[in-house]
Amino acid sequence: MIRRNAALLLAGFMALAPVAAPAVQPDEVLPDPALELRARELSKGLRCLVCRNESIDESNAGLARDLRLLVRERLLTGDSDDQVIAFVVDRYGEFVLLKPQASGANLLLWLAGPAMLLVGAGIGAVYIRHRQSAPEPVSDALSDDEATRLREILKE
């Protein structure tokens, strides 16, 4: 009976564990709902520099809070969404974007993977074609003297 209750309690905790709530604190929320909605949308596209693959909207890290406040501050000064993103990227680099732009130096990184796949496939095709056209290796059978000598060695 105790084991069953413990299992049910554990299942209840596990059911609640994956529920992710925004980490935005009540003191961060802007009074204007339209600005707050814009801030939330922008925050979802910015990476927490501490948590790596978590947006600043989801992260409880101190730096994520600072970035959320920075986004809201920039919106209150009248910046557009693009200006806010540009300001954050200028300050922290493109790594802060959860979906980096495919332009400039990043374009090289975006294209490097498919290019290496094509080069590897080409090398593989040339290798296979070369192997198919190569002559069959001639197996050198042992002469009678060599076979006799081998039998003597194996008997020793």
N, C-alpha and C. Protein backbone atom coordinates (compact mmCIF):
# COMPACT_ATOMS: atom_id res chain seq x y z
N MET A 1 0.82 -1.19 0.00
CA MET A 1 0.00 0.00 0.00
C MET A 1 0.87 1.26 0.00
N ILE A 2 1.90 1.24 0.84
CA ILE A 2 2.79 2.40 0.91
C ILE A 2 3.53 2.57 -0.42
N ARG A 3 3.92 1.46 -0.98
CA ARG A 3 4.63 1.50 -2.26
C ARG A 3 3.75 2.10 -3.36
N ARG A 4 2.47 1.76 -3.35
CA ARG A 4 1.54 2.28 -4.35
C ARG A 4 1.35 3.79 -4.18
N ASN A 5 1.21 4.25 -2.94
CA ASN A 5 1.06 5.68 -2.69
C ASN A 5 2.32 6.45 -3.11
N ALA A 6 3.47 5.87 -2.82
CA ALA A 6 4.72 6.52 -3.21
C ALA A 6 4.82 6.60 -4.73
N ALA A 7 4.40 5.55 -5.41
CA ALA A 7 4.44 5.55 -6.87
C ALA A 7 3.50 6.60 -7.44
N LEU A 8 2.32 6.73 -6.85
CA LEU A 8 1.38 7.75 -7.31
C LEU A 8 1.90 9.15 -7.06
N LEU A 9 2.52 9.35 -5.91
CA LEU A 9 3.11 10.65 -5.59
C LEU A 9 4.23 10.99 -6.56
N LEU A 10 5.07 10.00 -6.83
CA LEU A 10 6.16 10.21 -7.78
C LEU A 10 5.62 10.51 -9.18
N ALA A 11 4.59 9.81 -9.59
CA ALA A 11 3.99 10.06 -10.90
C ALA A 11 3.40 11.46 -10.96
N GLY A 12 2.81 11.92 -9.87
CA GLY A 12 2.27 13.28 -9.83
C GLY A 12 3.35 14.33 -9.98
N PHE A 13 4.47 14.13 -9.29
CA PHE A 13 5.59 15.08 -9.41
C PHE A 13 6.18 15.06 -10.82
N MET A 14 6.29 13.87 -11.40
CA MET A 14 6.85 13.76 -12.75
C MET A 14 5.93 14.40 -13.78
N ALA A 15 4.63 14.35 -13.54
CA ALA A 15 3.68 14.97 -14.47
C ALA A 15 3.81 16.49 -14.44
N LEU A 16 4.15 17.04 -13.30
CA LEU A 16 4.29 18.49 -13.18
C LEU A 16 5.66 18.99 -13.59
N ALA A 17 6.66 18.13 -13.58
CA ALA A 17 8.04 18.54 -13.85
C ALA A 17 8.25 19.17 -15.22
N PRO A 18 7.74 18.60 -16.31
CA PRO A 18 8.06 19.18 -17.62
C PRO A 18 7.32 20.47 -17.94
N VAL A 19 6.45 20.92 -17.06
CA VAL A 19 5.70 22.14 -17.34
C VAL A 19 6.65 23.32 -17.25
N ALA A 20 6.90 23.97 -18.36
CA ALA A 20 7.80 25.12 -18.39
C ALA A 20 6.96 26.39 -18.37
N ALA A 21 7.29 27.23 -17.45
CA ALA A 21 6.58 28.51 -17.34
C ALA A 21 7.56 29.63 -17.67
N PRO A 22 7.07 30.70 -18.23
CA PRO A 22 7.96 31.82 -18.48
C PRO A 22 8.58 32.30 -17.17
N ALA A 23 9.83 32.71 -17.25
CA ALA A 23 10.54 33.13 -16.05
C ALA A 23 10.37 34.61 -15.78
N VAL A 24 9.54 35.28 -16.53
CA VAL A 24 9.34 36.71 -16.36
C VAL A 24 8.70 36.96 -15.00
N GLN A 25 9.35 37.81 -14.23
CA GLN A 25 8.86 38.16 -12.89
C GLN A 25 7.81 39.26 -13.00
N PRO A 26 6.93 39.35 -12.03
CA PRO A 26 5.88 40.38 -12.09
C PRO A 26 6.43 41.81 -12.16
N ASP A 27 7.58 42.04 -11.55
CA ASP A 27 8.14 43.39 -11.58
C ASP A 27 8.74 43.76 -12.93
N GLU A 28 8.89 42.77 -13.82
CA GLU A 28 9.43 43.03 -15.16
C GLU A 28 8.34 43.38 -16.17
N VAL A 29 7.12 43.01 -15.88
CA VAL A 29 6.02 43.16 -16.84
C VAL A 29 5.74 44.64 -17.09
N LEU A 30 5.64 44.97 -18.37
CA LEU A 30 5.35 46.35 -18.76
C LEU A 30 3.86 46.66 -18.58
N PRO A 31 3.54 47.90 -18.23
CA PRO A 31 2.11 48.25 -18.05
C PRO A 31 1.32 48.22 -19.35
N ASP A 32 1.96 48.48 -20.48
CA ASP A 32 1.27 48.47 -21.77
C ASP A 32 1.25 47.04 -22.31
N PRO A 33 0.08 46.43 -22.46
CA PRO A 33 0.00 45.04 -22.93
C PRO A 33 0.62 44.83 -24.32
N ALA A 34 0.49 45.81 -25.20
CA ALA A 34 1.05 45.66 -26.55
C ALA A 34 2.58 45.62 -26.48
N LEU A 35 3.18 46.49 -25.67
CA LEU A 35 4.63 46.47 -25.51
C LEU A 35 5.09 45.19 -24.83
N GLU A 36 4.33 44.73 -23.87
CA GLU A 36 4.70 43.49 -23.18
C GLU A 36 4.65 42.30 -24.14
N LEU A 37 3.66 42.27 -25.01
CA LEU A 37 3.57 41.21 -26.01
C LEU A 37 4.77 41.25 -26.94
N ARG A 38 5.16 42.45 -27.39
CA ARG A 38 6.36 42.59 -28.23
C ARG A 38 7.60 42.13 -27.49
N ALA A 39 7.71 42.49 -26.22
CA ALA A 39 8.87 42.10 -25.42
C ALA A 39 8.94 40.58 -25.29
N ARG A 40 7.80 39.95 -25.07
CA ARG A 40 7.75 38.48 -24.95
C ARG A 40 8.18 37.81 -26.26
N GLU A 41 7.69 38.33 -27.38
CA GLU A 41 8.05 37.75 -28.68
C GLU A 41 9.54 37.91 -28.95
N LEU A 42 10.09 39.07 -28.63
CA LEU A 42 11.52 39.28 -28.82
C LEU A 42 12.33 38.38 -27.90
N SER A 43 11.87 38.22 -26.67
CA SER A 43 12.59 37.41 -25.68
C SER A 43 12.62 35.94 -26.08
N LYS A 44 11.60 35.49 -26.78
CA LYS A 44 11.57 34.09 -27.21
C LYS A 44 12.63 33.80 -28.27
N GLY A 45 13.11 34.82 -28.98
CA GLY A 45 14.10 34.62 -30.02
C GLY A 45 15.53 34.88 -29.57
N LEU A 46 15.71 35.25 -28.28
CA LEU A 46 17.05 35.54 -27.77
C LEU A 46 17.50 34.42 -26.84
N ARG A 47 18.73 33.98 -27.03
CA ARG A 47 19.29 32.86 -26.28
C ARG A 47 19.82 33.35 -24.93
N CYS A 48 19.57 32.57 -23.90
CA CYS A 48 20.18 32.83 -22.60
C CYS A 48 21.65 32.43 -22.72
N LEU A 49 22.54 33.33 -22.41
CA LEU A 49 23.97 33.06 -22.56
C LEU A 49 24.50 32.13 -21.48
N VAL A 50 23.72 31.91 -20.44
CA VAL A 50 24.11 30.99 -19.37
C VAL A 50 23.56 29.59 -19.64
N CYS A 51 22.31 29.52 -20.07
CA CYS A 51 21.62 28.23 -20.23
C CYS A 51 21.80 27.63 -21.63
N ARG A 52 22.34 28.35 -22.54
CA ARG A 52 22.62 27.94 -23.92
C ARG A 52 21.37 27.79 -24.77
N ASN A 53 20.68 26.68 -24.75
CA ASN A 53 19.57 26.47 -25.69
C ASN A 53 18.22 26.75 -25.05
N GLU A 54 18.18 27.80 -24.27
CA GLU A 54 16.94 28.22 -23.64
C GLU A 54 16.79 29.71 -23.92
N SER A 55 15.58 30.13 -24.20
CA SER A 55 15.38 31.56 -24.47
C SER A 55 15.43 32.34 -23.16
N ILE A 56 15.65 33.63 -23.27
CA ILE A 56 15.69 34.45 -22.06
C ILE A 56 14.31 34.54 -21.43
N ASP A 57 13.27 34.27 -22.21
CA ASP A 57 11.90 34.28 -21.69
C ASP A 57 11.67 33.10 -20.75
N GLU A 58 12.39 31.99 -20.96
CA GLU A 58 12.21 30.77 -20.17
C GLU A 58 13.22 30.63 -19.05
N SER A 59 14.32 31.37 -19.10
CA SER A 59 15.43 31.17 -18.18
C SER A 59 15.28 31.98 -16.90
N ASN A 60 15.72 31.37 -15.81
CA ASN A 60 15.72 32.05 -14.51
C ASN A 60 17.09 32.62 -14.17
N ALA A 61 18.04 32.54 -15.07
CA ALA A 61 19.39 33.03 -14.80
C ALA A 61 19.38 34.56 -14.67
N GLY A 62 20.32 35.06 -13.90
CA GLY A 62 20.41 36.51 -13.68
C GLY A 62 20.66 37.28 -14.95
N LEU A 63 21.53 36.73 -15.81
CA LEU A 63 21.83 37.41 -17.08
C LEU A 63 20.60 37.44 -17.98
N ALA A 64 19.80 36.39 -17.95
CA ALA A 64 18.58 36.37 -18.74
C ALA A 64 17.62 37.45 -18.25
N ARG A 65 17.54 37.63 -16.95
CA ARG A 65 16.70 38.69 -16.40
C ARG A 65 17.20 40.05 -16.86
N ASP A 66 18.52 40.24 -16.83
CA ASP A 66 19.09 41.50 -17.30
C ASP A 66 18.76 41.76 -18.77
N LEU A 67 18.82 40.71 -19.58
CA LEU A 67 18.49 40.86 -20.99
C LEU A 67 17.01 41.16 -21.19
N ARG A 68 16.15 40.52 -20.40
CA ARG A 68 14.72 40.81 -20.50
C ARG A 68 14.45 42.27 -20.15
N LEU A 69 15.10 42.76 -19.09
CA LEU A 69 14.93 44.16 -18.70
C LEU A 69 15.49 45.09 -19.77
N LEU A 70 16.60 44.71 -20.39
CA LEU A 70 17.19 45.52 -21.45
C LEU A 70 16.24 45.62 -22.64
N VAL A 71 15.64 44.51 -23.03
CA VAL A 71 14.67 44.50 -24.14
C VAL A 71 13.50 45.43 -23.82
N ARG A 72 12.98 45.32 -22.62
CA ARG A 72 11.85 46.16 -22.24
C ARG A 72 12.24 47.64 -22.18
N GLU A 73 13.44 47.91 -21.70
CA GLU A 73 13.93 49.29 -21.65
C GLU A 73 14.03 49.89 -23.05
N ARG A 74 14.57 49.10 -23.98
CA ARG A 74 14.71 49.58 -25.36
C ARG A 74 13.33 49.81 -25.99
N LEU A 75 12.38 48.94 -25.70
CA LEU A 75 11.03 49.13 -26.23
C LEU A 75 10.38 50.39 -25.67
N LEU A 76 10.62 50.66 -24.39
CA LEU A 76 10.06 51.87 -23.78
C LEU A 76 10.65 53.14 -24.37
N THR A 77 11.90 53.08 -24.84
CA THR A 77 12.52 54.26 -25.46
C THR A 77 12.03 54.47 -26.89
N GLY A 78 11.24 53.52 -27.41
CA GLY A 78 10.66 53.70 -28.74
C GLY A 78 11.36 52.94 -29.85
N ASP A 79 12.29 52.05 -29.51
CA ASP A 79 12.98 51.27 -30.54
C ASP A 79 12.01 50.29 -31.20
N SER A 80 12.26 50.04 -32.48
CA SER A 80 11.48 49.02 -33.18
C SER A 80 12.04 47.64 -32.79
N ASP A 81 11.34 46.59 -33.19
CA ASP A 81 11.81 45.23 -32.88
C ASP A 81 13.19 44.99 -33.47
N ASP A 82 13.39 45.42 -34.72
CA ASP A 82 14.69 45.22 -35.38
C ASP A 82 15.79 46.00 -34.68
N GLN A 83 15.48 47.18 -34.20
CA GLN A 83 16.48 47.98 -33.49
C GLN A 83 16.86 47.33 -32.16
N VAL A 84 15.89 46.77 -31.48
CA VAL A 84 16.18 46.09 -30.21
C VAL A 84 17.09 44.89 -30.47
N ILE A 85 16.75 44.08 -31.46
CA ILE A 85 17.56 42.90 -31.80
C ILE A 85 18.96 43.33 -32.21
N ALA A 86 19.06 44.38 -33.04
CA ALA A 86 20.37 44.87 -33.47
C ALA A 86 21.19 45.35 -32.28
N PHE A 87 20.57 46.02 -31.32
CA PHE A 87 21.28 46.50 -30.14
C PHE A 87 21.83 45.33 -29.33
N VAL A 88 21.00 44.31 -29.11
CA VAL A 88 21.43 43.15 -28.32
C VAL A 88 22.53 42.39 -29.05
N VAL A 89 22.39 42.23 -30.38
CA VAL A 89 23.41 41.52 -31.16
C VAL A 89 24.72 42.31 -31.16
N ASP A 90 24.65 43.63 -31.27
CA ASP A 90 25.87 44.45 -31.22
C ASP A 90 26.58 44.29 -29.89
N ARG A 91 25.81 44.15 -28.83
CA ARG A 91 26.40 44.06 -27.50
C ARG A 91 26.91 42.66 -27.18
N TYR A 92 26.18 41.60 -27.60
CA TYR A 92 26.52 40.23 -27.20
C TYR A 92 26.94 39.32 -28.36
N GLY A 93 26.84 39.78 -29.57
CA GLY A 93 27.20 38.94 -30.71
C GLY A 93 26.02 38.15 -31.23
N GLU A 94 26.19 37.55 -32.40
CA GLU A 94 25.09 36.80 -33.03
C GLU A 94 24.76 35.52 -32.30
N PHE A 95 25.63 35.08 -31.40
CA PHE A 95 25.34 33.87 -30.63
C PHE A 95 24.07 34.02 -29.81
N VAL A 96 23.71 35.25 -29.48
CA VAL A 96 22.54 35.49 -28.64
C VAL A 96 21.24 35.19 -29.38
N LEU A 97 21.29 35.07 -30.70
CA LEU A 97 20.08 34.75 -31.48
C LEU A 97 19.85 33.25 -31.49
N LEU A 98 18.64 32.82 -31.15
CA LEU A 98 18.32 31.39 -31.21
C LEU A 98 18.26 30.90 -32.65
N LYS A 99 17.87 31.79 -33.58
CA LYS A 99 17.85 31.46 -35.00
C LYS A 99 18.75 32.46 -35.72
N PRO A 100 20.06 32.14 -35.84
CA PRO A 100 20.98 33.09 -36.48
C PRO A 100 20.61 33.35 -37.93
N GLN A 101 20.98 34.53 -38.39
CA GLN A 101 20.69 34.92 -39.76
C GLN A 101 21.67 34.23 -40.72
N ALA A 102 21.17 33.83 -41.87
CA ALA A 102 22.01 33.18 -42.88
C ALA A 102 22.55 34.24 -43.83
N SER A 103 23.50 35.02 -43.33
CA SER A 103 24.11 36.06 -44.15
C SER A 103 25.54 36.28 -43.68
N GLY A 104 26.36 36.86 -44.53
CA GLY A 104 27.74 37.18 -44.17
C GLY A 104 28.54 35.93 -43.84
N ALA A 105 29.28 36.00 -42.74
CA ALA A 105 30.12 34.87 -42.33
C ALA A 105 29.27 33.66 -41.96
N ASN A 106 28.07 33.90 -41.46
CA ASN A 106 27.19 32.77 -41.12
C ASN A 106 26.77 31.99 -42.34
N LEU A 107 26.71 32.65 -43.48
CA LEU A 107 26.33 31.96 -44.71
C LEU A 107 27.32 30.85 -45.02
N LEU A 108 28.60 31.12 -44.76
CA LEU A 108 29.63 30.10 -44.96
C LEU A 108 29.35 28.88 -44.08
N LEU A 109 28.98 29.14 -42.83
CA LEU A 109 28.68 28.03 -41.92
C LEU A 109 27.43 27.27 -42.35
N TRP A 110 26.41 27.99 -42.83
CA TRP A 110 25.18 27.35 -43.27
C TRP A 110 25.44 26.46 -44.49
N LEU A 111 26.33 26.89 -45.37
CA LEU A 111 26.57 26.15 -46.61
C LEU A 111 27.66 25.09 -46.47
N ALA A 112 28.48 25.17 -45.42
CA ALA A 112 29.61 24.24 -45.27
C ALA A 112 29.14 22.80 -45.11
N GLY A 113 28.11 22.56 -44.33
CA GLY A 113 27.62 21.20 -44.10
C GLY A 113 27.15 20.52 -45.39
N PRO A 114 26.20 21.14 -46.12
CA PRO A 114 25.77 20.51 -47.37
C PRO A 114 26.91 20.39 -48.39
N ALA A 115 27.81 21.37 -48.42
CA ALA A 115 28.93 21.30 -49.36
C ALA A 115 29.84 20.11 -49.03
N MET A 116 30.13 19.91 -47.75
CA MET A 116 30.98 18.78 -47.36
C MET A 116 30.28 17.45 -47.65
N LEU A 117 28.96 17.41 -47.50
CA LEU A 117 28.22 16.20 -47.83
C LEU A 117 28.35 15.88 -49.32
N LEU A 118 28.20 16.90 -50.16
CA LEU A 118 28.33 16.69 -51.61
C LEU A 118 29.74 16.27 -51.99
N VAL A 119 30.76 16.89 -51.39
CA VAL A 119 32.15 16.52 -51.68
C VAL A 119 32.40 15.07 -51.25
N GLY A 120 31.91 14.70 -50.07
CA GLY A 120 32.08 13.33 -49.59
C GLY A 120 31.38 12.33 -50.49
N ALA A 121 30.18 12.66 -50.95
CA ALA A 121 29.45 11.77 -51.86
C ALA A 121 30.20 11.64 -53.19
N GLY A 122 30.78 12.73 -53.68
CA GLY A 122 31.57 12.68 -54.92
C GLY A 122 32.79 11.81 -54.76
N ILE A 123 33.50 11.97 -53.65
CA ILE A 123 34.69 11.15 -53.40
C ILE A 123 34.30 9.68 -53.30
N GLY A 124 33.18 9.40 -52.62
CA GLY A 124 32.71 8.02 -52.52
C GLY A 124 32.36 7.43 -53.88
N ALA A 125 31.70 8.23 -54.73
CA ALA A 125 31.32 7.74 -56.06
C ALA A 125 32.55 7.46 -56.91
N VAL A 126 33.56 8.35 -56.85
CA VAL A 126 34.80 8.12 -57.61
C VAL A 126 35.50 6.87 -57.11
N TYR A 127 35.54 6.68 -55.80
CA TYR A 127 36.20 5.50 -55.23
C TYR A 127 35.51 4.22 -55.68
N ILE A 128 34.18 4.21 -55.62
CA ILE A 128 33.43 3.01 -56.02
C ILE A 128 33.62 2.73 -57.50
N ARG A 129 33.58 3.78 -58.32
CA ARG A 129 33.78 3.60 -59.77
C ARG A 129 35.19 3.05 -60.05
N HIS A 130 36.18 3.56 -59.33
CA HIS A 130 37.56 3.10 -59.52
C HIS A 130 37.69 1.64 -59.09
N ARG A 131 37.02 1.26 -58.00
CA ARG A 131 37.10 -0.13 -57.53
C ARG A 131 36.44 -1.08 -58.52
N GLN A 132 35.36 -0.65 -59.17
CA GLN A 132 34.65 -1.51 -60.11
C GLN A 132 35.46 -1.72 -61.39
N SER A 133 36.23 -0.71 -61.78
CA SER A 133 37.00 -0.83 -63.02
C SER A 133 38.39 -1.40 -62.79
N ALA A 134 38.78 -1.61 -61.56
CA ALA A 134 40.11 -2.15 -61.26
C ALA A 134 40.16 -3.63 -61.64
N PRO A 135 41.29 -4.09 -62.14
CA PRO A 135 41.40 -5.51 -62.50
C PRO A 135 41.39 -6.37 -61.24
N GLU A 136 40.86 -7.57 -61.41
CA GLU A 136 40.82 -8.50 -60.29
C GLU A 136 42.25 -8.87 -59.91
N PRO A 137 42.54 -8.92 -58.64
CA PRO A 137 43.89 -9.30 -58.23
C PRO A 137 44.15 -10.76 -58.56
N VAL A 138 45.33 -11.02 -59.05
CA VAL A 138 45.71 -12.38 -59.41
C VAL A 138 46.19 -13.07 -58.14
N SER A 139 45.56 -14.19 -57.85
CA SER A 139 45.99 -14.91 -56.65
C SER A 139 47.17 -15.78 -57.05
N ASP A 140 48.22 -15.59 -56.37
CA ASP A 140 49.42 -16.38 -56.63
C ASP A 140 49.32 -17.68 -55.85
N ALA A 141 49.07 -18.75 -56.58
CA ALA A 141 48.99 -20.06 -55.94
C ALA A 141 50.41 -20.52 -55.62
N LEU A 142 50.50 -21.33 -54.59
CA LEU A 142 51.82 -21.84 -54.20
C LEU A 142 52.29 -22.89 -55.21
N SER A 143 53.57 -22.81 -55.47
CA SER A 143 54.14 -23.84 -56.34
C SER A 143 54.22 -25.14 -55.54
N ASP A 144 54.52 -26.25 -56.23
CA ASP A 144 54.60 -27.55 -55.56
C ASP A 144 55.69 -27.54 -54.50
N ASP A 145 56.84 -26.92 -54.80
CA ASP A 145 57.95 -26.86 -53.84
C ASP A 145 57.55 -26.03 -52.60
N GLU A 146 56.83 -24.94 -52.84
CA GLU A 146 56.41 -24.09 -51.73
C GLU A 146 55.38 -24.81 -50.87
N ALA A 147 54.46 -25.52 -51.48
CA ALA A 147 53.45 -26.26 -50.73
C ALA A 147 54.10 -27.35 -49.89
N THR A 148 55.09 -28.05 -50.45
CA THR A 148 55.81 -29.08 -49.70
C THR A 148 56.53 -28.47 -48.51
N ARG A 149 57.20 -27.35 -48.74
CA ARG A 149 57.94 -26.67 -47.67
C ARG A 149 56.99 -26.20 -46.57
N LEU A 150 55.84 -25.71 -46.94
CA LEU A 150 54.85 -25.25 -45.97
C LEU A 150 54.35 -26.41 -45.11
N ARG A 151 54.09 -27.56 -45.73
CA ARG A 151 53.66 -28.74 -44.96
C ARG A 151 54.73 -29.15 -43.97
N GLU A 152 56.01 -29.07 -44.37
CA GLU A 152 57.11 -29.44 -43.46
C GLU A 152 57.17 -28.48 -42.28
N ILE A 153 56.98 -27.23 -42.54
CA ILE A 153 57.03 -26.22 -41.46
C ILE A 153 55.89 -26.45 -40.49
N LEU A 154 54.69 -26.74 -41.01
CA LEU A 154 53.55 -26.94 -40.14
C LEU A 154 53.67 -28.22 -39.30
N LYS A 155 54.38 -29.21 -39.78
CA LYS A 155 54.57 -30.46 -39.02
C LYS A 155 55.51 -30.22 -37.84
N GLU A 156 56.44 -29.30 -37.96
CA GLU A 156 57.44 -29.07 -36.90
C GLU A 156 56.86 -28.51 -35.69
